[in-house]
């Protein structure tokens, strides 16, 4: 499989002003020199701030638009080769309180991306999924599961047009908006941090790894796959020790819609999951998809599940401290432990 020459590719990035979107742009501009990246989002202030942050880089274009608006999305996709769909309503409580809005953005928006990509002749589309789409217990997870299905089955609508769709699915992104790390850092000042349940485990991935997963997805995809990274787990109590070893821990009980442990593949998906180039790849189950790649892929056993509590790779307290504070500050944190 040949590497992609990104200097010849025009990319549309929905939700491009978010944590992932900005890091994606930073990595692409520094390492891969794409022809152009079109940022598609609905917040003009964030776009203005991003334009300043990136010093008006001529390879960036900024489009005001909402994924709910199919016509605007189609206009933005004209002349685009690749699409990264990162736009979503992601806050679990907000989705629970505003369920119709979550469906409009996460489900109807996904359909609009599929339709616009096919009509505009886009070559490849990758949508960002989440661990919460596996056995969902909240509305956000349910809408993302539906979104995943729409993108996978979108290949059937594309037919002979050549447009292909795939997903990437990962857990919590270290340091992103909504991460527990900023919460712990803020609570540290008060001398008390809150934890919902001390048994809790989570998958962790860096923004660099998340971007590389998307790029690998573009490289290997034939359509219909869900790419899952092999990433470490961490215990919530270890993260608390890493950030605030001197603080009192207050247990507040598990929140509605929250899981003790996370899963990146479901049991039913295990029958179609392969290990390939440092990733797990969940293949579509339909017999009419014929694969050319993945000749060296190893099929996982029936019933395979990839969960944060049964993971073989774990982050230590020391590793978590270094991620949060950086290597220069670790010795100081250790001294206070």
C-alpha atoms as a PDB file:
ATOM      1  CA  UNK A   1       0.000   0.000   0.000  1.00  0.00           C
ATOM      2  CA  UNK A   2       1.564   3.261  -1.169  1.00  0.00           C
ATOM      3  CA  UNK A   3       1.797   6.280   1.111  1.00  0.00           C
ATOM      4  CA  UNK A   4      -0.477   9.216   0.279  1.00  0.00           C
ATOM      5  CA  UNK A   5       1.126  12.287  -1.283  1.00  0.00           C
ATOM      6  CA  UNK A   6      -0.617  14.851   0.899  1.00  0.00           C
ATOM      7  CA  UNK A   7       0.816  17.790  -1.055  1.00  0.00           C
ATOM      8  CA  UNK A   8      -1.717  16.964  -3.775  1.00  0.00           C
ATOM      9  CA  UNK A   9      -4.698  16.540  -1.459  1.00  0.00           C
ATOM     10  CA  UNK A  10      -7.417  19.032  -0.548  1.00  0.00           C
ATOM     11  CA  UNK A  11      -8.953  18.197   2.836  1.00  0.00           C
ATOM     12  CA  UNK A  12     -12.226  19.275   4.441  1.00  0.00           C
ATOM     13  CA  UNK A  13     -12.270  19.102   8.230  1.00  0.00           C
ATOM     14  CA  UNK A  14     -15.635  19.427   9.961  1.00  0.00           C
ATOM     15  CA  UNK A  15     -15.469  20.637  13.545  1.00  0.00           C
ATOM     16  CA  UNK A  16     -12.023  21.935  12.714  1.00  0.00           C
ATOM     17  CA  UNK A  17     -11.725  24.429  15.587  1.00  0.00           C
ATOM     18  CA  UNK A  18     -11.889  21.744  18.292  1.00  0.00           C
ATOM     19  CA  UNK A  19      -8.958  20.125  20.122  1.00  0.00           C
ATOM     20  CA  UNK A  20      -8.520  17.399  17.527  1.00  0.00           C
ATOM     21  CA  UNK A  21      -9.096  19.739  14.597  1.00  0.00           C
ATOM     22  CA  UNK A  22      -6.428  22.236  15.592  1.00  0.00           C
ATOM     23  CA  UNK A  23      -3.900  19.504  16.345  1.00  0.00           C
ATOM     24  CA  UNK A  24      -4.701  17.802  13.038  1.00  0.00           C
ATOM     25  CA  UNK A  25      -4.012  21.054  11.201  1.00  0.00           C
ATOM     26  CA  UNK A  26      -0.804  21.674  13.138  1.00  0.00           C
ATOM     27  CA  UNK A  27       0.585  18.197  12.377  1.00  0.00           C
ATOM     28  CA  UNK A  28      -0.494  18.242   8.747  1.00  0.00           C
ATOM     29  CA  UNK A  29       0.974  21.682   8.049  1.00  0.00           C
ATOM     30  CA  UNK A  30       4.267  20.889   9.804  1.00  0.00           C
ATOM     31  CA  UNK A  31       4.829  17.336   8.546  1.00  0.00           C
ATOM     32  CA  UNK A  32       2.789  16.649   5.418  1.00  0.00           C
ATOM     33  CA  UNK A  33       2.203  19.988   3.636  1.00  0.00           C
ATOM     34  CA  UNK A  34      -1.316  19.380   2.271  1.00  0.00           C
ATOM     35  CA  UNK A  35      -2.516  21.409  -0.686  1.00  0.00           C
ATOM     36  CA  UNK A  36      -5.279  22.964   1.423  1.00  0.00           C
ATOM     37  CA  UNK A  37      -7.306  22.263   4.581  1.00  0.00           C
ATOM     38  CA  UNK A  38     -10.812  23.686   4.682  1.00  0.00           C
ATOM     39  CA  UNK A  39     -12.024  24.275   8.241  1.00  0.00           C
ATOM     40  CA  UNK A  40     -15.791  23.812   8.376  1.00  0.00           C
ATOM     41  CA  UNK A  41     -17.441  24.904  11.639  1.00  0.00           C
ATOM     42  CA  UNK A  42     -20.170  27.174  12.925  1.00  0.00           C
ATOM     43  CA  UNK A  43     -18.324  29.435  15.406  1.00  0.00           C
ATOM     44  CA  UNK A  44     -16.852  32.531  13.758  1.00  0.00           C
ATOM     45  CA  UNK A  45     -14.981  33.579  16.920  1.00  0.00           C
ATOM     46  CA  UNK A  46     -13.143  30.259  17.170  1.00  0.00           C
ATOM     47  CA  UNK A  47     -12.287  30.473  13.478  1.00  0.00           C
ATOM     48  CA  UNK A  48     -10.968  34.000  13.970  1.00  0.00           C
ATOM     49  CA  UNK A  49      -8.833  32.880  16.919  1.00  0.00           C
ATOM     50  CA  UNK A  50      -7.574  29.873  14.977  1.00  0.00           C
ATOM     51  CA  UNK A  51      -6.655  32.057  12.004  1.00  0.00           C
ATOM     52  CA  UNK A  52      -4.542  34.225  14.314  1.00  0.00           C
ATOM     53  CA  UNK A  53      -3.006  31.180  16.048  1.00  0.00           C
ATOM     54  CA  UNK A  54      -1.934  29.752  12.686  1.00  0.00           C
ATOM     55  CA  UNK A  55      -0.700  33.158  11.465  1.00  0.00           C
ATOM     56  CA  UNK A  56      -3.026  33.234   8.458  1.00  0.00           C
ATOM     57  CA  UNK A  57      -1.374  30.184   6.898  1.00  0.00           C
ATOM     58  CA  UNK A  58      -2.440  30.280   3.217  1.00  0.00           C
ATOM     59  CA  UNK A  59      -3.018  26.517   3.231  1.00  0.00           C
ATOM     60  CA  UNK A  60      -5.943  26.982   5.643  1.00  0.00           C
ATOM     61  CA  UNK A  61      -9.397  28.070   4.486  1.00  0.00           C
ATOM     62  CA  UNK A  62     -12.245  28.875   6.872  1.00  0.00           C
ATOM     63  CA  UNK A  63     -15.864  28.051   6.035  1.00  0.00           C
ATOM     64  CA  UNK A  64     -18.705  29.061   8.341  1.00  0.00           C
ATOM     65  CA  UNK A  65     -21.266  26.273   8.249  1.00  0.00           C
ATOM     66  CA  UNK A  66     -23.134  23.613  10.198  1.00  0.00           C
ATOM     67  CA  UNK A  67     -23.190  19.903   9.350  1.00  0.00           C
ATOM     68  CA  UNK A  68     -26.963  20.180   9.700  1.00  0.00           C
ATOM     69  CA  UNK A  69     -26.928  22.303   6.520  1.00  0.00           C
ATOM     70  CA  UNK A  70     -26.546  19.854   3.635  1.00  0.00           C
ATOM     71  CA  UNK A  71     -26.430  22.492   0.895  1.00  0.00           C
ATOM     72  CA  UNK A  72     -23.649  24.471   2.560  1.00  0.00           C
ATOM     73  CA  UNK A  73     -21.748  21.251   3.226  1.00  0.00           C
ATOM     74  CA  UNK A  74     -21.979  20.272  -0.440  1.00  0.00           C
ATOM     75  CA  UNK A  75     -20.676  23.681  -1.486  1.00  0.00           C
ATOM     76  CA  UNK A  76     -17.739  23.363   0.922  1.00  0.00           C
ATOM     77  CA  UNK A  77     -16.849  19.905  -0.436  1.00  0.00           C
ATOM     78  CA  UNK A  78     -16.503  20.906  -4.091  1.00  0.00           C
ATOM     79  CA  UNK A  79     -12.971  20.080  -5.216  1.00  0.00           C
ATOM     80  CA  UNK A  80     -12.159  18.190  -1.996  1.00  0.00           C
ATOM     81  CA  UNK A  81     -10.275  14.869  -2.054  1.00  0.00           C
ATOM     82  CA  UNK A  82     -10.497  13.815   1.606  1.00  0.00           C
ATOM     83  CA  UNK A  83     -12.922  14.580   4.433  1.00  0.00           C
ATOM     84  CA  UNK A  84     -12.295  14.233   8.174  1.00  0.00           C
ATOM     85  CA  UNK A  85     -15.595  14.424  10.048  1.00  0.00           C
ATOM     86  CA  UNK A  86     -14.902  15.566  13.612  1.00  0.00           C
ATOM     87  CA  UNK A  87     -17.973  17.757  14.215  1.00  0.00           C
ATOM     88  CA  UNK A  88     -20.331  16.496  16.919  1.00  0.00           C
ATOM     89  CA  UNK A  89     -22.179  17.404  20.071  1.00  0.00           C
ATOM     90  CA  UNK A  90     -19.980  15.545  22.574  1.00  0.00           C
ATOM     91  CA  UNK A  91     -20.877  16.610  26.098  1.00  0.00           C
ATOM     92  CA  UNK A  92     -22.912  13.773  27.642  1.00  0.00           C
ATOM     93  CA  UNK A  93     -25.065  15.967  29.971  1.00  0.00           C
ATOM     94  CA  UNK A  94     -25.789  18.459  27.170  1.00  0.00           C
ATOM     95  CA  UNK A  95     -26.905  15.642  24.854  1.00  0.00           C
ATOM     96  CA  UNK A  96     -29.134  14.181  27.573  1.00  0.00           C
ATOM     97  CA  UNK A  97     -30.804  17.555  28.195  1.00  0.00           C
ATOM     98  CA  UNK A  98     -31.044  18.473  24.488  1.00  0.00           C
ATOM     99  CA  UNK A  99     -31.715  15.108  22.825  1.00  0.00           C
ATOM    100  CA  UNK A 100     -33.247  16.413  19.599  1.00  0.00           C
ATOM    101  CA  UNK A 101     -30.278  18.717  19.060  1.00  0.00           C
ATOM    102  CA  UNK A 102     -27.867  15.794  19.562  1.00  0.00           C
ATOM    103  CA  UNK A 103     -29.735  13.784  16.922  1.00  0.00           C
ATOM    104  CA  UNK A 104     -29.754  16.695  14.465  1.00  0.00           C
ATOM    105  CA  UNK A 105     -25.988  17.191  14.679  1.00  0.00           C
ATOM    106  CA  UNK A 106     -24.661  13.687  15.285  1.00  0.00           C
ATOM    107  CA  UNK A 107     -27.110  11.660  13.182  1.00  0.00           C
ATOM    108  CA  UNK A 108     -28.606  13.979  10.561  1.00  0.00           C
ATOM    109  CA  UNK A 109     -25.214  15.691  10.268  1.00  0.00           C
ATOM    110  CA  UNK A 110     -23.581  12.337   9.524  1.00  0.00           C
ATOM    111  CA  UNK A 111     -26.130  11.670   6.783  1.00  0.00           C
ATOM    112  CA  UNK A 112     -25.436  15.096   5.282  1.00  0.00           C
ATOM    113  CA  UNK A 113     -21.689  14.400   5.235  1.00  0.00           C
ATOM    114  CA  UNK A 114     -22.286  11.069   3.450  1.00  0.00           C
ATOM    115  CA  UNK A 115     -24.638  12.599   0.866  1.00  0.00           C
ATOM    116  CA  UNK A 116     -22.449  15.648   0.199  1.00  0.00           C
ATOM    117  CA  UNK A 117     -19.277  13.554  -0.150  1.00  0.00           C
ATOM    118  CA  UNK A 118     -20.885  11.263  -2.722  1.00  0.00           C
ATOM    119  CA  UNK A 119     -22.413  14.154  -4.680  1.00  0.00           C
ATOM    120  CA  UNK A 120     -19.135  16.141  -4.637  1.00  0.00           C
ATOM    121  CA  UNK A 121     -17.026  13.158  -5.728  1.00  0.00           C
ATOM    122  CA  UNK A 122     -14.854  13.043  -2.600  1.00  0.00           C
ATOM    123  CA  UNK A 123     -12.453  10.070  -2.644  1.00  0.00           C
ATOM    124  CA  UNK A 124     -12.225   9.138   1.040  1.00  0.00           C
ATOM    125  CA  UNK A 125     -14.085  10.099   4.213  1.00  0.00           C
ATOM    126  CA  UNK A 126     -13.108   9.210   7.781  1.00  0.00           C
ATOM    127  CA  UNK A 127     -15.459   9.914  10.668  1.00  0.00           C
ATOM    128  CA  UNK A 128     -14.340  10.135  14.290  1.00  0.00           C
ATOM    129  CA  UNK A 129     -16.155   7.701  16.548  1.00  0.00           C
ATOM    130  CA  UNK A 130     -15.896   7.122  20.304  1.00  0.00           C
ATOM    131  CA  UNK A 131     -15.716   4.299  22.824  1.00  0.00           C
ATOM    132  CA  UNK A 132     -19.155   5.456  23.993  1.00  0.00           C
ATOM    133  CA  UNK A 133     -20.637   4.086  20.747  1.00  0.00           C
ATOM    134  CA  UNK A 134     -19.926   0.534  22.006  1.00  0.00           C
ATOM    135  CA  UNK A 135     -22.870  -0.762  24.064  1.00  0.00           C
ATOM    136  CA  UNK A 136     -24.082   2.819  24.596  1.00  0.00           C
ATOM    137  CA  UNK A 137     -25.650   3.780  27.908  1.00  0.00           C
ATOM    138  CA  UNK A 138     -26.296   7.452  27.087  1.00  0.00           C
ATOM    139  CA  UNK A 139     -27.765   9.390  24.187  1.00  0.00           C
ATOM    140  CA  UNK A 140     -24.406  10.677  22.999  1.00  0.00           C
ATOM    141  CA  UNK A 141     -23.136   7.110  22.632  1.00  0.00           C
ATOM    142  CA  UNK A 142     -26.358   6.068  20.894  1.00  0.00           C
ATOM    143  CA  UNK A 143     -26.112   8.895  18.352  1.00  0.00           C
ATOM    144  CA  UNK A 144     -22.463   8.041  17.638  1.00  0.00           C
ATOM    145  CA  UNK A 145     -23.325   4.362  17.174  1.00  0.00           C
ATOM    146  CA  UNK A 146     -25.969   5.439  14.667  1.00  0.00           C
ATOM    147  CA  UNK A 147     -23.430   7.747  13.012  1.00  0.00           C
ATOM    148  CA  UNK A 148     -20.933   4.868  12.704  1.00  0.00           C
ATOM    149  CA  UNK A 149     -23.577   2.718  11.020  1.00  0.00           C
ATOM    150  CA  UNK A 150     -24.436   5.513   8.591  1.00  0.00           C
ATOM    151  CA  UNK A 151     -20.812   5.922   7.517  1.00  0.00           C
ATOM    152  CA  UNK A 152     -20.173   2.203   7.182  1.00  0.00           C
ATOM    153  CA  UNK A 153     -23.376   1.666   5.193  1.00  0.00           C
ATOM    154  CA  UNK A 154     -22.722   4.861   3.255  1.00  0.00           C
ATOM    155  CA  UNK A 155     -20.425   2.769   1.090  1.00  0.00           C
ATOM    156  CA  UNK A 156     -23.512   1.008  -0.270  1.00  0.00           C
ATOM    157  CA  UNK A 157     -24.948   4.372  -1.364  1.00  0.00           C
ATOM    158  CA  UNK A 158     -21.648   5.384  -2.961  1.00  0.00           C
ATOM    159  CA  UNK A 159     -21.591   2.295  -5.173  1.00  0.00           C
ATOM    160  CA  UNK A 160     -19.455   2.782  -8.251  1.00  0.00           C
ATOM    161  CA  UNK A 161     -18.866   6.507  -7.634  1.00  0.00           C
ATOM    162  CA  UNK A 162     -15.606   5.686  -5.858  1.00  0.00           C
ATOM    163  CA  UNK A 163     -16.353   7.567  -2.640  1.00  0.00           C
ATOM    164  CA  UNK A 164     -15.406   5.431   0.354  1.00  0.00           C
ATOM    165  CA  UNK A 165     -16.206   5.798   4.039  1.00  0.00           C
ATOM    166  CA  UNK A 166     -14.542   4.495   7.217  1.00  0.00           C
ATOM    167  CA  UNK A 167     -14.383   5.360  10.925  1.00  0.00           C
ATOM    168  CA  UNK A 168     -11.731   5.628  13.597  1.00  0.00           C
ATOM    169  CA  UNK A 169     -12.678   4.901  17.199  1.00  0.00           C
ATOM    170  CA  UNK A 170     -10.667   5.797  20.283  1.00  0.00           C
ATOM    171  CA  UNK A 171     -11.038   6.675  23.973  1.00  0.00           C
ATOM    172  CA  UNK A 172     -10.245   9.765  25.992  1.00  0.00           C
ATOM    173  CA  UNK A 173      -7.784  12.208  24.467  1.00  0.00           C
ATOM    174  CA  UNK A 174      -5.187  13.429  26.945  1.00  0.00           C
ATOM    175  CA  UNK A 175      -5.540  17.150  27.547  1.00  0.00           C
ATOM    176  CA  UNK A 176      -8.497  17.709  25.221  1.00  0.00           C
ATOM    177  CA  UNK A 177     -11.480  19.853  26.137  1.00  0.00           C
ATOM    178  CA  UNK A 178     -13.712  17.810  28.426  1.00  0.00           C
ATOM    179  CA  UNK A 179     -10.804  15.732  29.740  1.00  0.00           C
ATOM    180  CA  UNK A 180     -10.726  15.034  33.483  1.00  0.00           C
ATOM    181  CA  UNK A 181      -7.158  16.361  33.705  1.00  0.00           C
ATOM    182  CA  UNK A 182      -8.110  20.094  33.696  1.00  0.00           C
ATOM    183  CA  UNK A 183     -10.785  19.321  36.311  1.00  0.00           C
ATOM    184  CA  UNK A 184      -8.266  17.643  38.625  1.00  0.00           C
ATOM    185  CA  UNK A 185      -5.759  20.470  38.129  1.00  0.00           C
ATOM    186  CA  UNK A 186      -8.386  23.032  39.067  1.00  0.00           C
ATOM    187  CA  UNK A 187      -9.614  21.036  42.070  1.00  0.00           C
ATOM    188  CA  UNK A 188      -6.029  20.544  43.257  1.00  0.00           C
ATOM    189  CA  UNK A 189      -5.936  24.172  44.400  1.00  0.00           C
ATOM    190  CA  UNK A 190      -8.725  23.484  46.926  1.00  0.00           C
ATOM    191  CA  UNK A 191      -6.989  20.472  48.479  1.00  0.00           C
ATOM    192  CA  UNK A 192      -9.807  18.062  47.540  1.00  0.00           C
ATOM    193  CA  UNK A 193     -10.477  16.234  44.269  1.00  0.00           C
ATOM    194  CA  UNK A 194     -13.664  14.374  43.396  1.00  0.00           C
ATOM    195  CA  UNK A 195     -13.799  10.869  41.921  1.00  0.00           C
ATOM    196  CA  UNK A 196     -16.986   9.133  40.868  1.00  0.00           C
ATOM    197  CA  UNK A 197     -15.754   5.570  41.499  1.00  0.00           C
ATOM    198  CA  UNK A 198     -12.269   4.395  42.481  1.00  0.00           C
ATOM    199  CA  UNK A 199     -12.604   1.221  40.356  1.00  0.00           C
ATOM    200  CA  UNK A 200     -12.908   3.222  37.154  1.00  0.00           C
ATOM    201  CA  UNK A 201     -10.509   2.602  34.247  1.00  0.00           C
ATOM    202  CA  UNK A 202     -10.129   4.485  30.988  1.00  0.00           C
ATOM    203  CA  UNK A 203      -8.330   4.221  27.658  1.00  0.00           C
ATOM    204  CA  UNK A 204      -5.945   7.106  26.952  1.00  0.00           C
ATOM    205  CA  UNK A 205      -4.621   8.405  23.654  1.00  0.00           C
ATOM    206  CA  UNK A 206      -2.561  11.466  22.785  1.00  0.00           C
ATOM    207  CA  UNK A 207      -3.604  13.960  20.125  1.00  0.00           C
ATOM    208  CA  UNK A 208      -0.565  12.907  18.074  1.00  0.00           C
ATOM    209  CA  UNK A 209      -1.751   9.297  18.155  1.00  0.00           C
ATOM    210  CA  UNK A 210      -5.302  10.310  17.253  1.00  0.00           C
ATOM    211  CA  UNK A 211      -4.099  12.204  14.169  1.00  0.00           C
ATOM    212  CA  UNK A 212      -1.794   9.357  13.115  1.00  0.00           C
ATOM    213  CA  UNK A 213      -4.702   6.923  13.449  1.00  0.00           C
ATOM    214  CA  UNK A 214      -6.737   9.025  11.019  1.00  0.00           C
ATOM    215  CA  UNK A 215      -3.832   9.199   8.565  1.00  0.00           C
ATOM    216  CA  UNK A 216      -3.319   5.421   8.772  1.00  0.00           C
ATOM    217  CA  UNK A 217      -7.034   4.977   8.208  1.00  0.00           C
ATOM    218  CA  UNK A 218      -6.834   7.013   5.016  1.00  0.00           C
ATOM    219  CA  UNK A 219      -3.846   4.975   3.877  1.00  0.00           C
ATOM    220  CA  UNK A 220      -5.291   1.503   4.447  1.00  0.00           C
ATOM    221  CA  UNK A 221      -9.058   1.933   4.092  1.00  0.00           C
ATOM    222  CA  UNK A 222     -11.013   0.285   1.329  1.00  0.00           C
ATOM    223  CA  UNK A 223     -14.378   1.294   2.771  1.00  0.00           C
ATOM    224  CA  UNK A 224     -16.462   0.064   5.670  1.00  0.00           C
ATOM    225  CA  UNK A 225     -13.738  -0.366   8.302  1.00  0.00           C
ATOM    226  CA  UNK A 226     -13.585   0.912  11.872  1.00  0.00           C
ATOM    227  CA  UNK A 227      -9.961   1.474  12.905  1.00  0.00           C
ATOM    228  CA  UNK A 228      -9.187   1.066  16.614  1.00  0.00           C
ATOM    229  CA  UNK A 229      -5.759   1.933  18.072  1.00  0.00           C
ATOM    230  CA  UNK A 230      -3.903  -0.301  20.507  1.00  0.00           C
ATOM    231  CA  UNK A 231      -3.520   2.135  23.398  1.00  0.00           C
ATOM    232  CA  UNK A 232      -2.854   1.884  27.155  1.00  0.00           C
ATOM    233  CA  UNK A 233      -5.362   2.026  29.973  1.00  0.00           C
ATOM    234  CA  UNK A 234      -5.114   3.974  33.194  1.00  0.00           C
ATOM    235  CA  UNK A 235      -6.779   3.720  36.592  1.00  0.00           C
ATOM    236  CA  UNK A 236      -8.569   6.854  37.729  1.00  0.00           C
ATOM    237  CA  UNK A 237      -6.946   6.572  41.165  1.00  0.00           C
ATOM    238  CA  UNK A 238      -3.488   6.476  39.539  1.00  0.00           C
ATOM    239  CA  UNK A 239      -4.324   9.674  37.647  1.00  0.00           C
ATOM    240  CA  UNK A 240      -5.407  11.293  40.921  1.00  0.00           C
ATOM    241  CA  UNK A 241      -2.096  10.274  42.536  1.00  0.00           C
ATOM    242  CA  UNK A 242      -0.175  11.622  39.552  1.00  0.00           C
ATOM    243  CA  UNK A 243      -1.856  15.033  39.588  1.00  0.00           C
ATOM    244  CA  UNK A 244      -2.674  15.667  43.247  1.00  0.00           C
ATOM    245  CA  UNK A 245      -0.921  13.178  45.548  1.00  0.00           C
ATOM    246  CA  UNK A 246      -1.319  15.472  48.545  1.00  0.00           C
ATOM    247  CA  UNK A 247      -5.071  16.019  48.115  1.00  0.00           C
ATOM    248  CA  UNK A 248      -8.010  14.423  49.876  1.00  0.00           C
ATOM    249  CA  UNK A 249     -10.125  12.239  47.561  1.00  0.00           C
ATOM    250  CA  UNK A 250     -13.898  12.621  47.793  1.00  0.00           C
ATOM    251  CA  UNK A 251     -16.050   9.895  46.238  1.00  0.00           C
ATOM    252  CA  UNK A 252     -19.234  11.305  44.722  1.00  0.00           C
ATOM    253  CA  UNK A 253     -20.706   8.212  43.021  1.00  0.00           C
ATOM    254  CA  UNK A 254     -20.944   7.246  39.379  1.00  0.00           C
ATOM    255  CA  UNK A 255     -22.868   9.696  37.221  1.00  0.00           C
ATOM    256  CA  UNK A 256     -25.835   8.907  35.009  1.00  0.00           C
ATOM    257  CA  UNK A 257     -24.663   7.667  31.618  1.00  0.00           C
ATOM    258  CA  UNK A 258     -21.151   6.869  32.868  1.00  0.00           C
ATOM    259  CA  UNK A 259     -19.437   3.471  32.693  1.00  0.00           C
ATOM    260  CA  UNK A 260     -16.957   1.908  35.096  1.00  0.00           C
ATOM    261  CA  UNK A 261     -14.855   0.647  32.183  1.00  0.00           C
ATOM    262  CA  UNK A 262     -14.675   1.510  28.502  1.00  0.00           C
ATOM    263  CA  UNK A 263     -14.872  -0.730  25.462  1.00  0.00           C
ATOM    264  CA  UNK A 264     -13.497  -0.009  21.990  1.00  0.00           C
ATOM    265  CA  UNK A 265     -14.972  -3.123  20.391  1.00  0.00           C
ATOM    266  CA  UNK A 266     -18.182  -4.972  21.150  1.00  0.00           C
ATOM    267  CA  UNK A 267     -18.592  -8.730  21.435  1.00  0.00           C
ATOM    268  CA  UNK A 268     -20.513  -8.958  18.161  1.00  0.00           C
ATOM    269  CA  UNK A 269     -17.812  -6.908  16.428  1.00  0.00           C
ATOM    270  CA  UNK A 270     -15.169  -9.362  17.666  1.00  0.00           C
ATOM    271  CA  UNK A 271     -16.115 -11.830  14.940  1.00  0.00           C
ATOM    272  CA  UNK A 272     -15.060  -9.301  12.308  1.00  0.00           C
ATOM    273  CA  UNK A 273     -12.013  -7.804  14.060  1.00  0.00           C
ATOM    274  CA  UNK A 274      -8.446  -8.205  12.803  1.00  0.00           C
ATOM    275  CA  UNK A 275      -5.085  -7.141  14.193  1.00  0.00           C
ATOM    276  CA  UNK A 276      -3.177  -5.185  11.564  1.00  0.00           C
ATOM    277  CA  UNK A 277      -0.139  -2.863  11.672  1.00  0.00           C
ATOM    278  CA  UNK A 278      -0.483  -2.010  15.354  1.00  0.00           C
ATOM    279  CA  UNK A 279      -4.253  -1.481  15.153  1.00  0.00           C
ATOM    280  CA  UNK A 280      -7.453  -3.433  15.424  1.00  0.00           C
ATOM    281  CA  UNK A 281      -9.603  -3.207  12.302  1.00  0.00           C
ATOM    282  CA  UNK A 282     -13.315  -4.015  12.524  1.00  0.00           C
ATOM    283  CA  UNK A 283     -14.346  -5.147   9.051  1.00  0.00           C
ATOM    284  CA  UNK A 284     -17.873  -4.760   7.670  1.00  0.00           C
ATOM    285  CA  UNK A 285     -19.839  -7.988   7.877  1.00  0.00           C
ATOM    286  CA  UNK A 286     -21.407  -7.907   4.403  1.00  0.00           C
ATOM    287  CA  UNK A 287     -20.143 -10.542   1.988  1.00  0.00           C
ATOM    288  CA  UNK A 288     -20.219  -8.143  -0.960  1.00  0.00           C
ATOM    289  CA  UNK A 289     -17.215  -6.228   0.361  1.00  0.00           C
ATOM    290  CA  UNK A 290     -14.107  -7.805  -1.126  1.00  0.00           C
ATOM    291  CA  UNK A 291     -10.737  -6.913   0.374  1.00  0.00           C
ATOM    292  CA  UNK A 292      -7.448  -6.366  -1.465  1.00  0.00           C
ATOM    293  CA  UNK A 293      -5.405  -5.207   1.525  1.00  0.00           C
ATOM    294  CA  UNK A 294      -4.975  -6.759   4.970  1.00  0.00           C
ATOM    295  CA  UNK A 295      -3.290  -9.903   3.611  1.00  0.00           C
ATOM    296  CA  UNK A 296      -1.140 -10.097   6.757  1.00  0.00           C
ATOM    297  CA  UNK A 297      -4.002  -9.294   9.134  1.00  0.00           C
ATOM    298  CA  UNK A 298      -4.603 -11.679  12.032  1.00  0.00           C
ATOM    299  CA  UNK A 299      -8.218 -12.540  12.749  1.00  0.00           C
ATOM    300  CA  UNK A 300      -9.200 -12.185  16.384  1.00  0.00           C
ATOM    301  CA  UNK A 301     -11.081 -15.045  18.089  1.00  0.00           C
ATOM    302  CA  UNK A 302     -14.865 -15.044  18.366  1.00  0.00           C
ATOM    303  CA  UNK A 303     -16.036 -13.088  21.376  1.00  0.00           C
ATOM    304  CA  UNK A 304     -13.009 -10.810  21.332  1.00  0.00           C
ATOM    305  CA  UNK A 305     -13.576  -7.527  23.160  1.00  0.00           C
ATOM    306  CA  UNK A 306     -11.119  -4.707  23.793  1.00  0.00           C
ATOM    307  CA  UNK A 307     -11.911  -3.139  27.146  1.00  0.00           C
ATOM    308  CA  UNK A 308     -10.005  -0.761  29.407  1.00  0.00           C
ATOM    309  CA  UNK A 309     -10.117  -3.048  32.470  1.00  0.00           C
ATOM    310  CA  UNK A 310      -8.808  -6.148  30.623  1.00  0.00           C
ATOM    311  CA  UNK A 311      -6.091  -4.306  28.705  1.00  0.00           C
ATOM    312  CA  UNK A 312      -2.536  -5.698  28.783  1.00  0.00           C
ATOM    313  CA  UNK A 313      -0.911  -2.252  28.669  1.00  0.00           C
ATOM    314  CA  UNK A 314      -1.239   0.153  31.624  1.00  0.00           C
ATOM    315  CA  UNK A 315       0.093   3.617  32.315  1.00  0.00           C
ATOM    316  CA  UNK A 316       2.011   4.032  35.571  1.00  0.00           C
ATOM    317  CA  UNK A 317       1.661   6.948  37.972  1.00  0.00           C
ATOM    318  CA  UNK A 318       5.077   8.186  36.822  1.00  0.00           C
ATOM    319  CA  UNK A 319       4.068   8.090  33.157  1.00  0.00           C
ATOM    320  CA  UNK A 320       0.858   9.944  33.925  1.00  0.00           C
ATOM    321  CA  UNK A 321       2.770  12.632  35.843  1.00  0.00           C
ATOM    322  CA  UNK A 322       5.107  13.159  32.920  1.00  0.00           C
ATOM    323  CA  UNK A 323       2.206  13.485  30.482  1.00  0.00           C
ATOM    324  CA  UNK A 324       0.370  15.995  32.671  1.00  0.00           C
ATOM    325  CA  UNK A 325       3.281  18.100  33.917  1.00  0.00           C
ATOM    326  CA  UNK A 326       6.085  17.406  31.428  1.00  0.00           C
ATOM    327  CA  UNK A 327       9.464  15.897  32.217  1.00  0.00           C
ATOM    328  CA  UNK A 328      10.847  19.157  33.634  1.00  0.00           C
ATOM    329  CA  UNK A 329       8.223  19.350  36.380  1.00  0.00           C
ATOM    330  CA  UNK A 330       8.040  15.668  37.357  1.00  0.00           C
ATOM    331  CA  UNK A 331      10.793  15.890  39.986  1.00  0.00           C
ATOM    332  CA  UNK A 332       8.979  18.756  41.695  1.00  0.00           C
ATOM    333  CA  UNK A 333       5.708  16.803  41.732  1.00  0.00           C
ATOM    334  CA  UNK A 334       7.513  13.722  43.083  1.00  0.00           C
ATOM    335  CA  UNK A 335       8.979  15.808  45.880  1.00  0.00           C
ATOM    336  CA  UNK A 336       5.467  16.734  46.994  1.00  0.00           C
ATOM    337  CA  UNK A 337       4.182  13.163  46.813  1.00  0.00           C
END
